[in-house]
Amino acid sequence: MSKLVKNMLIDDLKTRLTGVGEVIVVSLGRLDAIQTSQLRQALRKKKINLQLVKNSLARRATLDTPLAPAFDTHEGMLAIAWGGEDVVDLAKELDRLSGVKEYEGFEFRGGALDGARLEPADVKSVAKWPSRAEQLSLLSGQISSLGSRISGQICSLGGVLAGQIASRVEDLEKSGTAS
């Protein structure tokens, strides 16, 4: 491959990865072209990009970026995946697909998250984290539970006070001193 072509590939990869904060590196080792195409289509439905790339070109394209640690120790052809709603969504979908019999041979090689290198085991653990939507629902549940607890305490105190006032009014009406 000529230097001109390599530079064009590097520039294209840099453009594609602009603004990307995390990638997961996978090996498509034993997948044939049809399986790879089906895998890409499945990932595209989830807004996840998958690109087969030579490691040395990826290393040069991500030099001085937070994605650089993902390519430090790998050699040969790899595929990089990025996209989805967040890194947890990306890891969950890739983990799900790695367990599908149709994609046997698809395996994690690592990745990069916030400038730190991820090992294959780290990617599996990220897949177990709650997604952004799950985290937001947990947070909103915690916030609303505090609000409902405070509301209940205020209303119960107000109810007690209202009951005491009503009781005092009844007592005054019975004794005939109410005006």
Protein backbone atom coordinates (compact mmCIF):
# COMPACT_ATOMS: atom_id res chain seq x y z
CA MET A 1 0.00 0.00 0.00
CA SER A 2 1.47 3.35 -0.99
CA LYS A 3 2.14 6.10 1.48
CA LEU A 4 -0.49 8.29 -0.19
CA VAL A 5 -3.17 5.64 0.28
CA LYS A 6 -2.13 5.06 3.90
CA ASN A 7 -2.33 8.79 4.63
CA MET A 8 -5.78 8.94 3.02
CA LEU A 9 -6.97 6.03 5.19
CA ILE A 10 -5.53 7.66 8.31
CA ASP A 11 -7.21 10.97 7.50
CA ASP A 12 -10.52 9.21 6.87
CA LEU A 13 -10.28 7.36 10.19
CA LYS A 14 -9.39 10.59 12.02
CA THR A 15 -12.48 12.23 10.51
CA ARG A 16 -14.73 9.33 11.50
CA LEU A 17 -13.41 9.32 15.07
CA THR A 18 -13.65 13.07 15.60
CA GLY A 19 -15.62 13.67 18.78
CA VAL A 20 -15.63 10.00 19.80
CA GLY A 21 -14.68 9.50 23.44
CA GLU A 22 -14.68 5.72 23.65
CA VAL A 23 -14.06 2.77 21.37
CA ILE A 24 -14.12 -0.97 21.81
CA VAL A 25 -11.62 -3.04 19.86
CA VAL A 26 -12.80 -6.44 18.68
CA SER A 27 -11.47 -9.26 16.60
CA LEU A 28 -13.55 -10.63 13.75
CA GLY A 29 -11.05 -13.45 13.33
CA ARG A 30 -13.16 -16.35 12.13
CA LEU A 31 -16.11 -14.49 10.64
CA ASP A 32 -16.53 -14.65 6.90
CA ALA A 33 -17.66 -11.72 4.74
CA ILE A 34 -21.36 -12.59 4.97
CA GLN A 35 -21.28 -12.86 8.77
CA THR A 36 -19.34 -9.60 9.01
CA SER A 37 -21.89 -7.87 6.82
CA GLN A 38 -24.75 -9.21 8.95
CA LEU A 39 -22.94 -8.08 12.08
CA ARG A 40 -22.50 -4.57 10.69
CA GLN A 41 -26.19 -4.41 9.78
CA ALA A 42 -27.23 -5.52 13.27
CA LEU A 43 -24.96 -2.90 14.82
CA ARG A 44 -26.06 -0.18 12.41
CA LYS A 45 -29.65 -0.62 13.66
CA LYS A 46 -28.36 0.38 17.11
CA LYS A 47 -26.40 3.31 15.64
CA ILE A 48 -23.10 1.57 16.30
CA ASN A 49 -20.26 1.82 13.77
CA LEU A 50 -17.89 -1.06 13.11
CA GLN A 51 -14.80 -0.59 10.98
CA LEU A 52 -12.11 -3.07 10.13
CA VAL A 53 -8.74 -1.36 10.35
CA LYS A 54 -5.07 -2.23 10.40
CA ASN A 55 -3.72 -1.63 13.88
CA SER A 56 -0.75 0.47 12.78
CA LEU A 57 -3.04 2.82 10.83
CA ALA A 58 -5.44 3.11 13.79
CA ARG A 59 -2.50 3.81 16.09
CA ARG A 60 -1.33 6.65 13.82
CA ALA A 61 -4.86 8.03 13.40
CA THR A 62 -5.50 8.16 17.15
CA LEU A 63 -2.08 9.46 18.18
CA ASP A 64 -2.44 12.17 20.87
CA THR A 65 -6.15 11.45 21.39
CA PRO A 66 -7.98 9.79 24.29
CA LEU A 67 -8.47 6.75 22.04
CA ALA A 68 -4.74 6.02 21.66
CA PRO A 69 -4.49 3.54 24.59
CA ALA A 70 -6.87 1.16 22.80
CA PHE A 71 -4.25 0.33 20.17
CA ASP A 72 -1.06 0.12 22.27
CA THR A 73 -0.62 -3.63 22.47
CA HIS A 74 -2.47 -5.04 19.46
CA GLU A 75 -1.12 -6.18 16.11
CA GLY A 76 -2.64 -6.99 12.75
CA MET A 77 -6.21 -6.42 11.60
CA LEU A 78 -8.79 -5.42 14.17
CA ALA A 79 -12.23 -3.91 14.12
CA ILE A 80 -13.15 -0.86 16.14
CA ALA A 81 -16.68 -0.17 17.32
CA TRP A 82 -18.04 3.16 18.50
CA GLY A 83 -21.39 4.85 18.79
CA GLY A 84 -24.64 3.88 20.42
CA GLU A 85 -26.26 6.02 23.09
CA ASP A 86 -23.32 5.65 25.47
CA VAL A 87 -20.37 3.38 26.17
CA VAL A 88 -22.51 1.06 28.31
CA ASP A 89 -25.02 0.65 25.49
CA LEU A 90 -22.14 -0.07 23.11
CA ALA A 91 -20.58 -2.65 25.44
CA LYS A 92 -23.92 -4.33 26.16
CA GLU A 93 -24.77 -4.73 22.49
CA LEU A 94 -21.31 -6.06 21.59
CA ASP A 95 -21.41 -8.43 24.57
CA ARG A 96 -24.83 -9.69 23.50
CA LEU A 97 -23.62 -10.29 19.94
CA SER A 98 -20.44 -12.03 21.10
CA GLY A 99 -22.66 -14.67 22.71
CA VAL A 100 -24.66 -15.32 19.53
CA LYS A 101 -23.68 -18.60 17.91
CA GLU A 102 -23.88 -17.06 14.44
CA TYR A 103 -20.98 -14.72 15.30
CA GLU A 104 -18.71 -17.28 16.89
CA GLY A 105 -15.16 -15.94 16.71
CA PHE A 106 -16.20 -12.38 17.47
CA GLU A 107 -14.28 -11.44 20.62
CA PHE A 108 -13.21 -8.41 22.62
CA ARG A 109 -9.61 -7.24 22.46
CA GLY A 110 -9.94 -4.13 24.63
CA GLY A 111 -10.77 -0.51 24.12
CA ALA A 112 -10.45 3.00 25.46
CA LEU A 113 -12.70 4.90 27.84
CA ASP A 114 -11.95 8.49 28.89
CA GLY A 115 -8.31 8.11 27.86
CA ALA A 116 -7.78 4.88 29.81
CA ARG A 117 -7.12 1.48 28.28
CA LEU A 118 -9.77 -1.20 28.73
CA GLU A 119 -8.84 -4.86 28.86
CA PRO A 120 -11.29 -7.46 27.45
CA ALA A 121 -12.48 -8.27 31.00
CA ASP A 122 -13.06 -4.55 31.61
CA VAL A 123 -15.31 -4.36 28.56
CA LYS A 124 -17.37 -7.27 29.94
CA SER A 125 -17.72 -5.46 33.28
CA VAL A 126 -18.75 -2.20 31.54
CA ALA A 127 -21.50 -4.21 29.83
CA LYS A 128 -22.92 -4.99 33.29
CA TRP A 129 -23.17 -1.33 34.31
CA PRO A 130 -26.58 0.34 34.19
CA SER A 131 -27.14 2.28 30.97
CA ARG A 132 -27.68 6.03 30.93
CA ALA A 133 -31.46 5.60 30.81
CA GLU A 134 -31.34 3.17 33.75
CA GLN A 135 -29.12 5.55 35.73
CA LEU A 136 -31.49 8.45 35.07
CA SER A 137 -34.50 6.42 36.20
CA LEU A 138 -32.67 5.39 39.39
CA LEU A 139 -31.74 8.99 40.06
CA SER A 140 -35.24 10.31 39.43
CA GLY A 141 -36.65 7.59 41.70
CA GLN A 142 -34.28 8.59 44.48
CA ILE A 143 -35.09 12.28 44.05
CA SER A 144 -38.86 11.72 43.99
CA SER A 145 -38.71 9.40 47.02
CA LEU A 146 -37.06 12.17 49.03
CA GLY A 147 -39.69 14.65 47.86
CA SER A 148 -42.55 12.32 48.71
CA ARG A 149 -41.05 11.60 52.13
CA ILE A 150 -40.73 15.31 52.92
CA SER A 151 -44.24 15.94 51.58
CA GLY A 152 -45.62 13.12 53.71
CA GLN A 153 -43.92 14.45 56.82
CA ILE A 154 -45.18 17.99 56.23
CA CYS A 155 -48.70 16.80 55.47
CA SER A 156 -48.79 14.51 58.49
CA LEU A 157 -47.73 17.36 60.78
CA GLY A 158 -50.29 19.63 59.15
CA GLY A 159 -52.94 16.93 59.56
CA VAL A 160 -52.12 16.56 63.25
CA LEU A 161 -52.32 20.32 63.73
CA ALA A 162 -55.62 20.51 61.80
CA GLY A 163 -57.01 17.66 63.93
CA GLN A 164 -56.00 19.43 67.13
CA ILE A 165 -57.63 22.69 65.97
CA ALA A 166 -60.83 20.84 64.99
CA SER A 167 -60.86 19.10 68.37
CA ARG A 168 -60.42 22.39 70.19
CA VAL A 169 -63.25 23.99 68.15
CA GLU A 170 -65.55 21.08 69.06
CA ASP A 171 -64.63 21.40 72.72
CA LEU A 172 -65.36 25.13 72.63
CA GLU A 173 -68.71 24.58 70.87
CA LYS A 174 -69.74 21.99 73.46
CA SER A 175 -68.90 24.25 76.34
CA GLY A 176 -70.82 27.05 74.64
CA THR A 177 -68.03 29.58 74.68
CA ALA A 178 -67.64 29.59 70.93
CA SER A 179 -68.74 32.81 69.29
